[in-house]
Each structure stands twice: as C-alpha cells, then as structure tokens.
C-alpha cells in the first residue's frame, strides 16, 4: 500500500511541475509587444477596479471578466493597503497594486504587468528598476516585473 501511495505522489508532483511551467524550455514573453497590444484593455480594467472596488472584485486572486481578451488566462491579483469595514475587507483604492500575470511560473517565480498607485509600492518598484535586471517601468504607475 505504501508503495502505491509514493507512486501516486510522485506522479502528482511530476504532473504539477509539467503544467506549472516549462521545465525544459524557458518561456520568453515579449513584454513590450504584450504591453502595446493590451495596454488599453488593462487600463480600462484598472479603471473599472478603481471605480467599483469591492462591488465587482476581491482582494486577492481574480479571474478576468467574461469576454475580456487577454492572451494570458492566469487572472490577476489585487493587493495593497486595505481596511476592515464592518465584516468585509474593503479596498482602499488610493493604495493598491494590481498584478496582471503573464506567467505565474513555479513556486515564487512570476512575470507580470503591474499597476500601482501606492507610494510605498512605487518606491519599491522604482528601486527594482534602477537595480537593473528584468524589471522595467512602462509609464507612471505601470511596471513589468519578472521575479
């Protein structure tokens, strides 16, 4: 019985690894092309999030609205400073970060287009960009992050 459990566990881990990332080939994404093709859609979605906050979106993982055409179907993540309001977590739209994933990667790696209006996050992202590497500032409040 134990051998069967280990075989199943090993098979499960192998399948997760294969579906989570491309272990035999690095996935290269042309972020400049993706930004130019999708910036209007991402900006409109961001405006909708800022306008409708908790009415339509959640703190944490979100799926794209139906009919939203974005070449990466891995959803987006809303984080930032929020406050407790009665029994609901309420977005503070003045201090938030939205991570539009291009590649969720494996474990703690990801590539994303990021919007933030949070001054602490902007300072942190600007420092990452200045250090060089794979992070870039697209325009005010918009970044490409490859962690």
Protein backbone atom coordinates (compact mmCIF):
# COMPACT_ATOMS: atom_id res chain seq x y z
CA UNK A 1 0.00 0.00 0.00
CA UNK A 2 2.77 2.47 0.84
CA UNK A 3 4.49 1.90 -2.50
CA UNK A 4 1.26 2.79 -4.30
CA UNK A 5 0.96 6.00 -2.28
CA UNK A 6 4.51 7.04 -3.13
CA UNK A 7 3.97 6.26 -6.80
CA UNK A 8 0.80 8.35 -6.86
CA UNK A 9 2.51 11.20 -5.01
CA UNK A 10 5.48 11.13 -7.39
CA UNK A 11 3.17 11.12 -10.41
CA UNK A 12 1.14 14.01 -8.95
CA UNK A 13 4.27 16.12 -8.33
CA UNK A 14 5.53 15.41 -11.85
CA UNK A 15 2.20 16.47 -13.41
CA UNK A 16 2.10 19.66 -11.33
CA UNK A 17 5.63 20.55 -12.42
CA UNK A 18 4.83 19.99 -16.08
CA UNK A 19 1.64 22.03 -16.01
CA UNK A 20 3.03 24.86 -13.85
CA UNK A 21 5.93 25.84 -16.02
CA UNK A 22 8.04 24.76 -18.92
CA UNK A 23 10.86 22.86 -17.20
CA UNK A 24 12.69 22.02 -20.42
CA UNK A 25 12.31 25.37 -22.13
CA UNK A 26 12.37 28.93 -20.77
CA UNK A 27 9.15 30.76 -21.65
CA UNK A 28 10.19 34.05 -23.17
CA UNK A 29 7.49 36.70 -23.32
CA UNK A 30 7.89 39.83 -25.40
CA UNK A 31 6.53 42.20 -22.76
CA UNK A 32 6.89 45.28 -24.99
CA UNK A 33 4.64 43.67 -27.58
CA UNK A 34 2.19 42.49 -24.93
CA UNK A 35 2.04 45.95 -23.37
CA UNK A 36 1.44 47.70 -26.69
CA UNK A 37 -1.28 45.21 -27.65
CA UNK A 38 -3.04 45.12 -24.28
CA UNK A 39 -2.43 48.42 -22.53
CA UNK A 40 -5.81 49.94 -23.37
CA UNK A 41 -7.66 46.85 -22.11
CA UNK A 42 -5.57 46.69 -18.94
CA UNK A 43 -6.01 50.41 -18.27
CA UNK A 44 -9.79 50.13 -18.75
CA UNK A 45 -9.96 47.14 -16.40
CA UNK A 46 -7.86 49.02 -13.85
CA UNK A 47 -10.23 52.00 -14.06
CA UNK A 48 -13.16 49.63 -13.51
CA UNK A 49 -11.42 48.19 -10.44
CA UNK A 50 -10.76 51.68 -9.08
CA UNK A 51 -14.38 52.71 -9.68
CA UNK A 52 -16.17 49.58 -8.49
CA UNK A 53 -13.75 48.19 -5.89
CA UNK A 54 -15.41 45.53 -3.77
CA UNK A 55 -18.65 45.53 -5.74
CA UNK A 56 -17.09 43.51 -8.58
CA UNK A 57 -13.59 42.48 -7.44
CA UNK A 58 -11.94 40.81 -4.48
CA UNK A 59 -8.74 41.39 -2.58
CA UNK A 60 -6.55 38.52 -3.75
CA UNK A 61 -6.95 36.41 -6.87
CA UNK A 62 -9.49 37.42 -9.50
CA UNK A 63 -10.48 35.99 -12.87
CA UNK A 64 -10.79 38.25 -15.87
CA UNK A 65 -14.34 39.38 -16.65
CA UNK A 66 -16.12 37.23 -19.22
CA UNK A 67 -15.34 38.39 -22.73
CA UNK A 68 -12.09 40.05 -21.64
CA UNK A 69 -9.48 39.12 -24.21
CA UNK A 70 -6.02 38.87 -22.69
CA UNK A 71 -3.51 36.37 -24.03
CA UNK A 72 -2.68 35.07 -20.56
CA UNK A 73 -5.59 33.42 -18.77
CA UNK A 74 -3.98 33.27 -15.36
CA UNK A 75 -6.01 36.08 -13.86
CA UNK A 76 -4.87 38.98 -11.74
CA UNK A 77 -4.18 39.70 -8.11
CA UNK A 78 -5.31 42.77 -6.14
CA UNK A 79 -3.30 43.70 -3.07
CA UNK A 80 -2.32 46.76 -1.12
CA UNK A 81 -3.43 48.55 1.96
CA UNK A 82 -6.99 47.82 2.91
CA UNK A 83 -9.06 48.34 5.98
CA UNK A 84 -11.71 46.39 7.82
CA UNK A 85 -15.17 47.82 7.36
CA UNK A 86 -17.75 46.02 9.44
CA UNK A 87 -17.24 42.41 8.44
CA UNK A 88 -15.88 42.99 4.93
CA UNK A 89 -12.36 43.64 3.72
CA UNK A 90 -12.66 46.86 1.75
CA UNK A 91 -10.22 48.01 -0.88
CA UNK A 92 -8.55 51.32 -0.29
CA UNK A 93 -8.34 52.36 -3.95
CA UNK A 94 -5.83 55.06 -3.09
CA UNK A 95 -3.21 52.46 -2.11
CA UNK A 96 -3.42 49.32 -4.17
CA UNK A 97 -1.41 47.14 -6.53
CA UNK A 98 -2.87 45.04 -9.34
CA UNK A 99 -0.71 42.26 -10.76
CA UNK A 100 -1.76 41.11 -14.24
CA UNK A 101 0.06 37.82 -14.68
CA UNK A 102 1.79 36.88 -17.91
CA UNK A 103 3.38 33.77 -16.39
CA UNK A 104 2.67 32.55 -12.85
CA UNK A 105 5.72 30.32 -13.01
CA UNK A 106 6.67 27.79 -10.40
CA UNK A 107 6.72 28.42 -6.65
CA UNK A 108 7.69 32.10 -6.22
CA UNK A 109 8.60 33.00 -9.82
CA UNK A 110 6.26 35.08 -11.95
CA UNK A 111 6.16 37.62 -14.78
CA UNK A 112 3.51 40.30 -14.75
CA UNK A 113 2.40 43.73 -15.79
CA UNK A 114 1.79 45.63 -12.56
CA UNK A 115 -0.25 48.74 -11.83
CA UNK A 116 0.11 50.51 -8.50
CA UNK A 117 -0.90 53.84 -7.05
CA UNK A 118 0.58 53.03 -3.64
CA UNK A 119 3.53 55.30 -2.85
CA UNK A 120 5.39 52.58 -0.93
CA UNK A 121 4.98 50.09 -3.81
CA UNK A 122 6.03 52.72 -6.36
CA UNK A 123 9.21 53.42 -4.40
CA UNK A 124 9.96 49.68 -4.11
CA UNK A 125 9.33 49.07 -7.84
CA UNK A 126 11.37 52.12 -8.89
CA UNK A 127 14.28 50.75 -6.83
CA UNK A 128 13.95 47.35 -8.51
CA UNK A 129 14.03 49.01 -11.94
CA UNK A 130 17.09 51.12 -11.02
CA UNK A 131 18.94 47.99 -9.92
CA UNK A 132 18.66 46.65 -13.47
CA UNK A 133 17.76 43.12 -14.34
CA UNK A 134 14.41 42.11 -15.73
CA UNK A 135 12.11 44.74 -14.23
CA UNK A 136 11.01 47.77 -16.24
CA UNK A 137 8.91 50.89 -15.82
CA UNK A 138 6.40 51.23 -18.65
CA UNK A 139 4.98 54.60 -17.63
CA UNK A 140 3.78 56.30 -14.49
CA UNK A 141 2.28 53.66 -12.16
CA UNK A 142 2.87 50.78 -14.63
CA UNK A 143 5.69 48.23 -14.47
CA UNK A 144 6.83 44.88 -15.84
CA UNK A 145 8.03 42.62 -13.04
CA UNK A 146 9.93 39.37 -13.51
CA UNK A 147 10.51 37.81 -10.11
